[in-house]
């Protein structure tokens, strides 16, 4: 994800969770995505880390709800690392 915009993040999420991008938007509850599960969550966190350099813990993930929440946490952690 060279330039992490909310739209790029939603496209990334759609690809990683194998769902049509048209089904996702900022306020989607990521745990309600049909392909979401504990194994996919770990893979997703790993892919976020490899693409953005941001390591999210499962504890952090459990406190977030929407794709926007996830996106904002990633952006916040990227800025903190600079």
Protein backbone atom coordinates (compact mmCIF):
# COMPACT_ATOMS: atom_id res chain seq x y z
CA UNK A 1 0.00 0.00 0.00
CA UNK A 2 2.24 2.80 -1.21
CA UNK A 3 -0.16 5.60 -0.27
CA UNK A 4 -2.48 4.54 2.50
CA UNK A 5 -5.78 6.26 1.97
CA UNK A 6 -9.01 4.93 3.41
CA UNK A 7 -9.97 3.79 -0.08
CA UNK A 8 -6.68 1.94 -0.59
CA UNK A 9 -7.15 0.31 2.82
CA UNK A 10 -10.68 -0.82 1.93
CA UNK A 11 -9.41 -2.28 -1.36
CA UNK A 12 -6.60 -4.04 0.52
CA UNK A 13 -9.10 -5.43 3.02
CA UNK A 14 -11.41 -6.66 0.26
CA UNK A 15 -8.55 -8.46 -1.41
CA UNK A 16 -7.19 -9.95 1.81
CA UNK A 17 -10.59 -11.14 3.04
CA UNK A 18 -11.75 -12.20 -0.42
CA UNK A 19 -14.89 -10.07 -0.55
CA UNK A 20 -16.10 -7.67 -3.25
CA UNK A 21 -14.85 -4.17 -2.59
CA UNK A 22 -18.39 -2.94 -3.32
CA UNK A 23 -19.50 -4.69 -0.10
CA UNK A 24 -17.11 -2.69 2.07
CA UNK A 25 -17.11 0.89 3.29
CA UNK A 26 -15.63 2.84 6.19
CA UNK A 27 -18.35 1.98 8.68
CA UNK A 28 -18.49 -1.78 8.02
CA UNK A 29 -18.03 -3.77 11.21
CA UNK A 30 -15.06 -5.86 10.19
CA UNK A 31 -16.09 -8.77 12.42
CA UNK A 32 -19.34 -8.99 10.41
CA UNK A 33 -17.48 -9.61 7.14
CA UNK A 34 -18.48 -13.16 6.13
CA UNK A 35 -14.90 -14.41 5.74
CA UNK A 36 -13.76 -13.00 9.09
CA UNK A 37 -12.56 -15.56 11.61
CA UNK A 38 -9.72 -16.07 14.07
CA UNK A 39 -7.34 -17.57 11.51
CA UNK A 40 -8.12 -14.91 8.90
CA UNK A 41 -7.70 -12.24 11.59
CA UNK A 42 -4.15 -13.42 12.28
CA UNK A 43 -3.33 -13.55 8.58
CA UNK A 44 -4.88 -10.11 8.08
CA UNK A 45 -2.81 -8.64 10.94
CA UNK A 46 0.31 -10.19 9.44
CA UNK A 47 -0.48 -8.73 6.01
CA UNK A 48 -1.12 -5.29 7.53
CA UNK A 49 2.28 -5.52 9.18
CA UNK A 50 4.05 -6.58 6.00
CA UNK A 51 2.37 -3.86 3.91
CA UNK A 52 2.49 -0.94 6.35
CA UNK A 53 5.13 -1.80 8.94
CA UNK A 54 2.46 -1.44 11.64
CA UNK A 55 2.09 -4.27 14.11
CA UNK A 56 -1.39 -4.46 15.64
CA UNK A 57 -1.99 -6.82 18.53
CA UNK A 58 -5.06 -8.99 18.84
CA UNK A 59 -5.89 -6.98 21.98
CA UNK A 60 -5.85 -3.74 19.96
CA UNK A 61 -7.95 -5.38 17.29
CA UNK A 62 -10.58 -6.42 19.82
CA UNK A 63 -11.01 -2.76 20.84
CA UNK A 64 -11.67 -1.62 17.27
CA UNK A 65 -14.94 -2.09 15.43
CA UNK A 66 -15.11 -0.58 11.96
CA UNK A 67 -12.76 -0.48 9.01
CA UNK A 68 -12.32 3.23 9.72
CA UNK A 69 -11.24 2.39 13.29
CA UNK A 70 -8.63 -0.01 11.91
CA UNK A 71 -7.45 2.49 9.34
CA UNK A 72 -7.13 5.29 11.89
CA UNK A 73 -5.15 3.06 14.28
CA UNK A 74 -2.73 2.13 11.49
CA UNK A 75 -2.25 5.78 10.49
CA UNK A 76 -1.76 6.77 14.13
CA UNK A 77 0.88 4.09 14.68
CA UNK A 78 2.67 5.05 11.45
CA UNK A 79 2.88 8.66 12.64
CA UNK A 80 4.04 7.59 16.10
CA UNK A 81 6.88 5.60 14.50
CA UNK A 82 8.21 8.63 12.61
